[in-house]
Each structure stands twice: as C-alpha cells, then as structure tokens.
Amino acid sequence: IQGTDFCVNKVGRVFVDEFLRLYNLFLQGGDDALLAEYEQLLMGRQTAMLYRDSAGIFEATVHGVESDGRIRLMRGDGQLSYYSFKEVQMVSLGY
C-alpha cells in the first residue's frame, strides 16, 4: 500500500499473533480445523455468484474446499464441480 506508513513492530506482532493462533488451532484440531476456518472465509460461500471455466459462464455457490485444495462449487442445476487453482474464476460485473 504505497503512501501509507506502517509501524513495523505492530505489523510483526499482528503477524506473529495470527500465526500462533493458527498453529494452536492446528495442534488442537489438525488439518480439519484449519480447513474448516478457511472455508468459513471463502467469498461466495453462501451466495450464488457467476464463475467462468473453460466451458463458459455459470452460476454457482461455493460449497467448500477439498483436502487437495480444489474448490467445490454447487451449480444452479445441483451439479457439484471441482476446480484446481486457476481453472475457474469469479466473473466481475464491473462494480
């Protein structure tokens, strides 16, 4: 963020605090706990949005992430689709 001043110590402390929080979450619940928290933060998790894949544009809702990192999308027709990194993109409506 160009033109903005940051306190390096404060940024470092926030980073370390968040790292330790996630590390403790992992120690208590393993991969499943981290995955569950990650899924809660996904954009489009409870809202139908437009996406584009190699076949075109479609409407879908995020239904989670597989353990191998693929995103799970529920299409409007009820079909589940799975995508690896960069195989699908959210369509911007220009807002």
C-alpha atoms as a PDB file:
ATOM      1  CA  ILE A   1       0.000   0.000   0.000  1.00  0.00           C
ATOM      2  CA  GLN A   2       2.018   2.842  -1.351  1.00  0.00           C
ATOM      3  CA  GLY A   3       1.994   6.134   0.527  1.00  0.00           C
ATOM      4  CA  THR A   4       0.868   4.579   3.817  1.00  0.00           C
ATOM      5  CA  ASP A   5       3.008   4.473   6.938  1.00  0.00           C
ATOM      6  CA  PHE A   6       3.160   1.272   8.958  1.00  0.00           C
ATOM      7  CA  CYS A   7       4.688   0.533  12.324  1.00  0.00           C
ATOM      8  CA  VAL A   8       6.921  -2.452  11.559  1.00  0.00           C
ATOM      9  CA  ASN A   9       6.752  -3.690  15.155  1.00  0.00           C
ATOM     10  CA  LYS A  10       2.946  -3.603  15.157  1.00  0.00           C
ATOM     11  CA  VAL A  11       2.690  -5.399  11.820  1.00  0.00           C
ATOM     12  CA  GLY A  12       5.164  -8.012  13.038  1.00  0.00           C
ATOM     13  CA  ARG A  13       3.242  -8.516  16.282  1.00  0.00           C
ATOM     14  CA  VAL A  14      -0.068  -8.954  14.432  1.00  0.00           C
ATOM     15  CA  PHE A  15       1.579 -11.471  12.096  1.00  0.00           C
ATOM     16  CA  VAL A  16       3.117 -13.474  14.952  1.00  0.00           C
ATOM     17  CA  ASP A  17      -0.143 -13.421  16.951  1.00  0.00           C
ATOM     18  CA  GLU A  18      -2.128 -14.720  13.976  1.00  0.00           C
ATOM     19  CA  PHE A  19       0.499 -17.347  13.177  1.00  0.00           C
ATOM     20  CA  LEU A  20       0.427 -18.613  16.765  1.00  0.00           C
ATOM     21  CA  ARG A  21      -3.388 -18.654  16.784  1.00  0.00           C
ATOM     22  CA  LEU A  22      -3.467 -20.776  13.634  1.00  0.00           C
ATOM     23  CA  TYR A  23      -0.644 -23.005  14.860  1.00  0.00           C
ATOM     24  CA  ASN A  24      -2.557 -23.694  18.094  1.00  0.00           C
ATOM     25  CA  LEU A  25      -5.711 -24.355  16.083  1.00  0.00           C
ATOM     26  CA  PHE A  26      -3.733 -26.901  14.063  1.00  0.00           C
ATOM     27  CA  LEU A  27      -2.322 -28.527  17.210  1.00  0.00           C
ATOM     28  CA  GLN A  28      -5.819 -28.894  18.668  1.00  0.00           C
ATOM     29  CA  GLY A  29      -7.725 -29.960  15.559  1.00  0.00           C
ATOM     30  CA  GLY A  30      -5.228 -30.778  12.831  1.00  0.00           C
ATOM     31  CA  ASP A  31      -5.795 -30.144   9.151  1.00  0.00           C
ATOM     32  CA  ASP A  32      -9.570 -30.385   9.524  1.00  0.00           C
ATOM     33  CA  ALA A  33      -9.677 -27.419  11.915  1.00  0.00           C
ATOM     34  CA  LEU A  34      -7.636 -25.231   9.573  1.00  0.00           C
ATOM     35  CA  LEU A  35      -9.725 -26.280   6.576  1.00  0.00           C
ATOM     36  CA  ALA A  36     -12.971 -25.511   8.428  1.00  0.00           C
ATOM     37  CA  GLU A  37     -11.773 -22.000   9.297  1.00  0.00           C
ATOM     38  CA  TYR A  38     -10.565 -21.409   5.745  1.00  0.00           C
ATOM     39  CA  GLU A  39     -13.931 -22.496   4.319  1.00  0.00           C
ATOM     40  CA  GLN A  40     -15.742 -20.005   6.561  1.00  0.00           C
ATOM     41  CA  LEU A  41     -13.761 -17.174   4.952  1.00  0.00           C
ATOM     42  CA  LEU A  42     -14.364 -18.084   1.310  1.00  0.00           C
ATOM     43  CA  MET A  43     -16.066 -15.433  -0.798  1.00  0.00           C
ATOM     44  CA  GLY A  44     -19.273 -16.728  -2.360  1.00  0.00           C
ATOM     45  CA  ARG A  45     -19.773 -19.402   0.294  1.00  0.00           C
ATOM     46  CA  GLN A  46     -23.439 -18.658   0.886  1.00  0.00           C
ATOM     47  CA  THR A  47     -24.232 -16.543  -2.152  1.00  0.00           C
ATOM     48  CA  ALA A  48     -24.745 -17.599  -5.748  1.00  0.00           C
ATOM     49  CA  MET A  49     -22.186 -15.849  -7.938  1.00  0.00           C
ATOM     50  CA  LEU A  50     -21.071 -16.007 -11.560  1.00  0.00           C
ATOM     51  CA  TYR A  51     -17.998 -18.059 -12.466  1.00  0.00           C
ATOM     52  CA  ARG A  52     -16.146 -18.816 -15.698  1.00  0.00           C
ATOM     53  CA  ASP A  53     -14.433 -22.066 -16.616  1.00  0.00           C
ATOM     54  CA  SER A  54     -13.237 -23.466 -19.951  1.00  0.00           C
ATOM     55  CA  ALA A  55     -16.858 -24.207 -20.964  1.00  0.00           C
ATOM     56  CA  GLY A  56     -18.221 -20.724 -20.240  1.00  0.00           C
ATOM     57  CA  ILE A  57     -20.020 -18.700 -17.573  1.00  0.00           C
ATOM     58  CA  PHE A  58     -22.280 -20.289 -14.960  1.00  0.00           C
ATOM     59  CA  GLU A  59     -23.873 -19.510 -11.600  1.00  0.00           C
ATOM     60  CA  ALA A  60     -22.735 -21.418  -8.518  1.00  0.00           C
ATOM     61  CA  THR A  61     -22.282 -21.308  -4.763  1.00  0.00           C
ATOM     62  CA  VAL A  62     -19.040 -22.252  -3.011  1.00  0.00           C
ATOM     63  CA  HIS A  63     -19.567 -25.492  -1.097  1.00  0.00           C
ATOM     64  CA  GLY A  64     -16.096 -25.851   0.357  1.00  0.00           C
ATOM     65  CA  VAL A  65     -12.580 -26.960  -0.437  1.00  0.00           C
ATOM     66  CA  GLU A  66     -11.247 -30.474  -0.861  1.00  0.00           C
ATOM     67  CA  SER A  67      -8.225 -31.619   1.143  1.00  0.00           C
ATOM     68  CA  ASP A  68      -6.144 -31.396  -2.058  1.00  0.00           C
ATOM     69  CA  GLY A  69      -7.032 -27.694  -2.426  1.00  0.00           C
ATOM     70  CA  ARG A  70      -9.675 -27.926  -5.156  1.00  0.00           C
ATOM     71  CA  ILE A  71     -12.666 -25.643  -4.680  1.00  0.00           C
ATOM     72  CA  ARG A  72     -16.102 -27.299  -4.653  1.00  0.00           C
ATOM     73  CA  LEU A  73     -18.860 -25.345  -6.449  1.00  0.00           C
ATOM     74  CA  MET A  74     -22.560 -26.235  -6.473  1.00  0.00           C
ATOM     75  CA  ARG A  75     -24.040 -25.138  -9.785  1.00  0.00           C
ATOM     76  CA  GLY A  76     -27.585 -23.874 -10.129  1.00  0.00           C
ATOM     77  CA  ASP A  77     -28.691 -27.259 -11.507  1.00  0.00           C
ATOM     78  CA  GLY A  78     -27.388 -29.055  -8.394  1.00  0.00           C
ATOM     79  CA  GLN A  79     -24.231 -30.434 -10.035  1.00  0.00           C
ATOM     80  CA  LEU A  80     -21.030 -30.301  -7.965  1.00  0.00           C
ATOM     81  CA  SER A  81     -17.942 -29.160  -9.844  1.00  0.00           C
ATOM     82  CA  TYR A  82     -14.350 -29.271  -8.567  1.00  0.00           C
ATOM     83  CA  TYR A  83     -11.614 -26.887  -9.711  1.00  0.00           C
ATOM     84  CA  SER A  84      -7.892 -26.585  -9.134  1.00  0.00           C
ATOM     85  CA  PHE A  85      -6.091 -23.255  -8.893  1.00  0.00           C
ATOM     86  CA  LYS A  86      -6.772 -21.001 -11.912  1.00  0.00           C
ATOM     87  CA  GLU A  87      -9.205 -23.449 -13.563  1.00  0.00           C
ATOM     88  CA  VAL A  88     -12.142 -21.224 -12.627  1.00  0.00           C
ATOM     89  CA  GLN A  89     -12.542 -17.528 -11.961  1.00  0.00           C
ATOM     90  CA  MET A  90     -15.208 -15.346 -10.446  1.00  0.00           C
ATOM     91  CA  VAL A  91     -16.832 -13.088 -13.031  1.00  0.00           C
ATOM     92  CA  SER A  92     -16.791  -9.408 -12.165  1.00  0.00           C
ATOM     93  CA  LEU A  93     -19.938  -7.487 -13.033  1.00  0.00           C
ATOM     94  CA  GLY A  94     -17.951  -4.268 -13.189  1.00  0.00           C
ATOM     95  CA  TYR A  95     -18.983  -2.888  -9.808  1.00  0.00           C
END
